[in-house]
Amino acid sequence: MELTVIRKLKGSVATEGEMLVNGQHECVTLEPVDRGLDSSMTWLQIKAKKIWGLTAIPVGRYQVKPEKWGAPYNRLIPVLQDVKGFTDIGIHSVGTHNDTHGCIGVGSSVAGPDLVAAGFAARDILYRKIFAAFDRSEDVFITICYPGDMCTDPQPSV
């Protein structure tokens, strides 16, 4: 399964985008501020720009695997693997940029600047698709990009 997050709006407190599943629109995304990180950067270059919990992950391609998270989630969630300079980057529901905690938040639609609506509904639909792929022993990858970037022809960074 191929997930793609196309970042569309870099704001001062959040980054808005769209998530595709196998090339089809799935939901909207909300991430922390994009500080220009790229998976080709060194760990030290990333560390110099990163603000913990307030920085979007580097543009790139990552494998996604299920991991058990505790409170407040208390469930398996899809987690990006081997994100240079980052740990525990999950895909989960959000309402505002304050809910991202450095992760990729999902919602059904944009509700205003740095706000998404129906995060739980979007998450539940997305999770059914992702976990069905895991159940089929399918590899799941996610590409984070900008329009015209590697969005049309993702190159593995893992």
C-alpha atoms as a PDB file:
ATOM      1  CA  MET A   1       0.000   0.000   0.000  1.00  0.00           C
ATOM      2  CA  GLU A   2       1.259   3.457  -0.879  1.00  0.00           C
ATOM      3  CA  LEU A   3       0.273   6.471   1.198  1.00  0.00           C
ATOM      4  CA  THR A   4       1.204   9.955   0.012  1.00  0.00           C
ATOM      5  CA  VAL A   5       1.015  13.190   1.974  1.00  0.00           C
ATOM      6  CA  ILE A   6       1.105  16.152  -0.368  1.00  0.00           C
ATOM      7  CA  ARG A   7       1.918  19.239   1.660  1.00  0.00           C
ATOM      8  CA  LYS A   8      -0.047  22.139   0.247  1.00  0.00           C
ATOM      9  CA  LEU A   9       0.135  25.028   2.705  1.00  0.00           C
ATOM     10  CA  LYS A  10       3.094  25.935   4.906  1.00  0.00           C
ATOM     11  CA  GLY A  11       1.785  28.092   7.722  1.00  0.00           C
ATOM     12  CA  SER A  12       3.454  29.732  10.685  1.00  0.00           C
ATOM     13  CA  VAL A  13       2.095  27.135  13.146  1.00  0.00           C
ATOM     14  CA  ALA A  14       1.111  24.184  10.959  1.00  0.00           C
ATOM     15  CA  THR A  15       1.421  22.497   7.583  1.00  0.00           C
ATOM     16  CA  GLU A  16      -1.782  21.527   5.770  1.00  0.00           C
ATOM     17  CA  GLY A  17      -1.976  18.820   3.151  1.00  0.00           C
ATOM     18  CA  GLU A  18      -3.822  15.954   1.550  1.00  0.00           C
ATOM     19  CA  MET A  19      -3.348  12.210   2.033  1.00  0.00           C
ATOM     20  CA  LEU A  20      -3.731   9.787  -0.852  1.00  0.00           C
ATOM     21  CA  VAL A  21      -4.102   6.011  -0.531  1.00  0.00           C
ATOM     22  CA  ASN A  22      -2.802   4.264  -3.632  1.00  0.00           C
ATOM     23  CA  GLY A  23      -3.145   7.521  -5.569  1.00  0.00           C
ATOM     24  CA  GLN A  24      -6.731   8.326  -4.462  1.00  0.00           C
ATOM     25  CA  HIS A  25      -7.762  11.168  -2.138  1.00  0.00           C
ATOM     26  CA  GLU A  26      -8.379   9.851   1.373  1.00  0.00           C
ATOM     27  CA  CYS A  27      -8.365  12.766   3.808  1.00  0.00           C
ATOM     28  CA  VAL A  28      -6.722  16.043   4.752  1.00  0.00           C
ATOM     29  CA  THR A  29      -3.611  16.248   6.911  1.00  0.00           C
ATOM     30  CA  LEU A  30      -2.282  18.621   9.508  1.00  0.00           C
ATOM     31  CA  GLU A  31       1.346  18.534  10.612  1.00  0.00           C
ATOM     32  CA  PRO A  32       3.591  20.815  12.643  1.00  0.00           C
ATOM     33  CA  VAL A  33       5.555  23.615  10.992  1.00  0.00           C
ATOM     34  CA  ASP A  34       7.653  22.565   8.002  1.00  0.00           C
ATOM     35  CA  ARG A  35      11.177  23.787   8.715  1.00  0.00           C
ATOM     36  CA  GLY A  36      12.584  22.634   5.365  1.00  0.00           C
ATOM     37  CA  LEU A  37      13.843  19.216   6.450  1.00  0.00           C
ATOM     38  CA  ASP A  38      14.615  16.568   3.851  1.00  0.00           C
ATOM     39  CA  SER A  39      15.507  12.895   4.367  1.00  0.00           C
ATOM     40  CA  SER A  40      18.804  13.465   2.505  1.00  0.00           C
ATOM     41  CA  MET A  41      20.007  15.809   5.290  1.00  0.00           C
ATOM     42  CA  THR A  42      22.359  14.544   7.974  1.00  0.00           C
ATOM     43  CA  TRP A  43      21.120  13.893  11.483  1.00  0.00           C
ATOM     44  CA  LEU A  44      23.064  16.963  12.680  1.00  0.00           C
ATOM     45  CA  GLN A  45      21.488  19.206  10.026  1.00  0.00           C
ATOM     46  CA  ILE A  46      18.036  17.983  11.066  1.00  0.00           C
ATOM     47  CA  LYS A  47      18.803  18.418  14.782  1.00  0.00           C
ATOM     48  CA  ALA A  48      19.910  22.019  14.167  1.00  0.00           C
ATOM     49  CA  LYS A  49      16.486  22.960  12.720  1.00  0.00           C
ATOM     50  CA  LYS A  50      14.150  20.678  14.643  1.00  0.00           C
ATOM     51  CA  ILE A  51      12.016  21.861  17.549  1.00  0.00           C
ATOM     52  CA  TRP A  52      10.678  18.805  19.394  1.00  0.00           C
ATOM     53  CA  GLY A  53       6.949  18.273  18.801  1.00  0.00           C
ATOM     54  CA  LEU A  54       6.716  21.433  16.683  1.00  0.00           C
ATOM     55  CA  THR A  55       8.498  20.370  13.488  1.00  0.00           C
ATOM     56  CA  ALA A  56       7.135  18.412  10.524  1.00  0.00           C
ATOM     57  CA  ILE A  57       9.158  15.346   9.595  1.00  0.00           C
ATOM     58  CA  PRO A  58      11.597  15.478   6.688  1.00  0.00           C
ATOM     59  CA  VAL A  59      10.254  15.156   3.165  1.00  0.00           C
ATOM     60  CA  GLY A  60      10.935  11.570   2.083  1.00  0.00           C
ATOM     61  CA  ARG A  61       9.611   8.022   1.887  1.00  0.00           C
ATOM     62  CA  TYR A  62       9.191   5.806   4.944  1.00  0.00           C
ATOM     63  CA  GLN A  63       7.897   2.377   5.808  1.00  0.00           C
ATOM     64  CA  VAL A  64       4.852   2.277   8.091  1.00  0.00           C
ATOM     65  CA  LYS A  65       4.298  -0.464  10.684  1.00  0.00           C
ATOM     66  CA  PRO A  66       1.726  -1.022  13.420  1.00  0.00           C
ATOM     67  CA  GLU A  67       2.888  -0.200  16.939  1.00  0.00           C
ATOM     68  CA  LYS A  68       1.057  -0.292  20.252  1.00  0.00           C
ATOM     69  CA  TRP A  69       0.757   3.146  21.794  1.00  0.00           C
ATOM     70  CA  GLY A  70      -0.404   3.823  25.317  1.00  0.00           C
ATOM     71  CA  ALA A  71      -2.476   6.708  26.660  1.00  0.00           C
ATOM     72  CA  PRO A  72      -4.250   8.569  25.259  1.00  0.00           C
ATOM     73  CA  TYR A  73      -4.417   6.183  22.278  1.00  0.00           C
ATOM     74  CA  ASN A  74      -4.281   2.730  23.939  1.00  0.00           C
ATOM     75  CA  ARG A  75      -4.309   0.980  20.583  1.00  0.00           C
ATOM     76  CA  LEU A  76      -2.247  -0.072  17.602  1.00  0.00           C
ATOM     77  CA  ILE A  77      -1.520   2.850  15.346  1.00  0.00           C
ATOM     78  CA  PRO A  78       0.434   3.203  12.086  1.00  0.00           C
ATOM     79  CA  VAL A  79       3.931   4.507  12.886  1.00  0.00           C
ATOM     80  CA  LEU A  80       6.580   5.722  10.421  1.00  0.00           C
ATOM     81  CA  GLN A  81       9.870   3.859  10.656  1.00  0.00           C
ATOM     82  CA  ASP A  82      13.427   5.222  10.555  1.00  0.00           C
ATOM     83  CA  VAL A  83      12.625   8.936  10.353  1.00  0.00           C
ATOM     84  CA  LYS A  84      16.042  10.551  10.794  1.00  0.00           C
ATOM     85  CA  GLY A  85      16.109  12.698  13.939  1.00  0.00           C
ATOM     86  CA  PHE A  86      12.562  11.719  14.975  1.00  0.00           C
ATOM     87  CA  THR A  87      10.900   8.923  16.956  1.00  0.00           C
ATOM     88  CA  ASP A  88       7.319   7.745  17.421  1.00  0.00           C
ATOM     89  CA  ILE A  89       5.844   9.495  14.376  1.00  0.00           C
ATOM     90  CA  GLY A  90       2.308   8.198  14.169  1.00  0.00           C
ATOM     91  CA  ILE A  91      -0.695   8.853  11.973  1.00  0.00           C
ATOM     92  CA  HIS A  92      -3.674   9.808  14.149  1.00  0.00           C
ATOM     93  CA  SER A  93      -6.728  12.048  14.410  1.00  0.00           C
ATOM     94  CA  VAL A  94      -6.377  15.727  15.244  1.00  0.00           C
ATOM     95  CA  GLY A  95      -8.510  18.828  15.465  1.00  0.00           C
ATOM     96  CA  THR A  96      -5.912  21.589  15.658  1.00  0.00           C
ATOM     97  CA  HIS A  97      -2.169  21.974  15.164  1.00  0.00           C
ATOM     98  CA  ASN A  98      -1.795  21.600  18.948  1.00  0.00           C
ATOM     99  CA  ASP A  99      -2.911  17.953  18.613  1.00  0.00           C
ATOM    100  CA  THR A 100      -0.187  16.879  16.184  1.00  0.00           C
ATOM    101  CA  HIS A 101       2.634  16.405  18.731  1.00  0.00           C
ATOM    102  CA  GLY A 102       5.050  16.089  15.814  1.00  0.00           C
ATOM    103  CA  CYS A 103       2.935  13.462  14.032  1.00  0.00           C
ATOM    104  CA  ILE A 104       0.731  13.389  10.940  1.00  0.00           C
ATOM    105  CA  GLY A 105      -2.804  14.314  11.894  1.00  0.00           C
ATOM    106  CA  VAL A 106      -5.799  13.470   9.752  1.00  0.00           C
ATOM    107  CA  GLY A 107      -9.279  14.897   9.303  1.00  0.00           C
ATOM    108  CA  SER A 108     -12.130  14.739   6.824  1.00  0.00           C
ATOM    109  CA  SER A 109     -11.931  18.379   5.753  1.00  0.00           C
ATOM    110  CA  VAL A 110     -10.240  21.683   6.498  1.00  0.00           C
ATOM    111  CA  ALA A 111     -12.269  23.606   9.072  1.00  0.00           C
ATOM    112  CA  GLY A 112     -10.215  26.799   9.047  1.00  0.00           C
ATOM    113  CA  PRO A 113      -6.610  27.901   9.323  1.00  0.00           C
ATOM    114  CA  ASP A 114      -4.698  25.151  11.138  1.00  0.00           C
ATOM    115  CA  LEU A 115      -7.936  23.249  11.889  1.00  0.00           C
ATOM    116  CA  VAL A 116      -9.417  20.052  10.508  1.00  0.00           C
ATOM    117  CA  ALA A 117     -12.881  18.568  11.014  1.00  0.00           C
ATOM    118  CA  ALA A 118     -13.983  15.017  11.748  1.00  0.00           C
ATOM    119  CA  GLY A 119     -10.568  13.688  12.732  1.00  0.00           C
ATOM    120  CA  PHE A 120     -11.909  10.518  14.356  1.00  0.00           C
ATOM    121  CA  ALA A 121     -14.056   9.624  11.334  1.00  0.00           C
ATOM    122  CA  ALA A 122     -11.155  10.159   8.908  1.00  0.00           C
ATOM    123  CA  ARG A 123      -8.813   8.159  11.145  1.00  0.00           C
ATOM    124  CA  ASP A 124     -11.221   5.227  11.444  1.00  0.00           C
ATOM    125  CA  ILE A 125     -11.701   4.935   7.677  1.00  0.00           C
ATOM    126  CA  LEU A 126      -7.958   5.293   7.020  1.00  0.00           C
ATOM    127  CA  TYR A 127      -7.035   2.779   9.734  1.00  0.00           C
ATOM    128  CA  ARG A 128      -9.396   0.161   8.282  1.00  0.00           C
ATOM    129  CA  LYS A 129      -7.520   0.395   4.980  1.00  0.00           C
ATOM    130  CA  ILE A 130      -4.039   0.427   6.511  1.00  0.00           C
ATOM    131  CA  PHE A 131      -4.692  -2.418   8.954  1.00  0.00           C
ATOM    132  CA  ALA A 132      -6.314  -4.505   6.207  1.00  0.00           C
ATOM    133  CA  ALA A 133      -3.020  -4.145   4.298  1.00  0.00           C
ATOM    134  CA  PHE A 134      -1.081  -5.216   7.403  1.00  0.00           C
ATOM    135  CA  ASP A 135      -3.436  -8.214   7.792  1.00  0.00           C
ATOM    136  CA  ARG A 136      -2.592  -9.198   4.194  1.00  0.00           C
ATOM    137  CA  SER A 137       1.131  -8.937   5.088  1.00  0.00           C
ATOM    138  CA  GLU A 138       1.428  -6.070   2.605  1.00  0.00           C
ATOM    139  CA  ASP A 139       4.194  -3.518   3.036  1.00  0.00           C
ATOM    140  CA  VAL A 140       2.898  -0.016   3.703  1.00  0.00           C
ATOM    141  CA  PHE A 141       4.958   3.024   2.702  1.00  0.00           C
ATOM    142  CA  ILE A 142       4.303   6.736   3.000  1.00  0.00           C
ATOM    143  CA  THR A 143       5.816   9.495   0.879  1.00  0.00           C
ATOM    144  CA  ILE A 144       5.843  13.042   2.237  1.00  0.00           C
ATOM    145  CA  CYS A 145       6.234  15.597  -0.552  1.00  0.00           C
ATOM    146  CA  TYR A 146       5.156  18.828  -2.213  1.00  0.00           C
ATOM    147  CA  PRO A 147       3.273  19.036  -5.524  1.00  0.00           C
ATOM    148  CA  GLY A 148       5.653  18.331  -8.408  1.00  0.00           C
ATOM    149  CA  ASP A 149       8.261  16.974  -5.989  1.00  0.00           C
ATOM    150  CA  MET A 150       8.642  13.256  -5.657  1.00  0.00           C
ATOM    151  CA  CYS A 151       4.856  13.011  -5.327  1.00  0.00           C
ATOM    152  CA  THR A 152       4.490  11.637  -8.822  1.00  0.00           C
ATOM    153  CA  ASP A 153       7.516   9.327  -8.739  1.00  0.00           C
ATOM    154  CA  PRO A 154       8.464   8.453  -5.152  1.00  0.00           C
ATOM    155  CA  GLN A 155      12.005   7.248  -4.584  1.00  0.00           C
ATOM    156  CA  PRO A 156      12.685   5.049  -1.552  1.00  0.00           C
ATOM    157  CA  SER A 157      14.647   6.663   1.267  1.00  0.00           C
ATOM    158  CA  VAL A 158      14.518   3.526   3.439  1.00  0.00           C
END
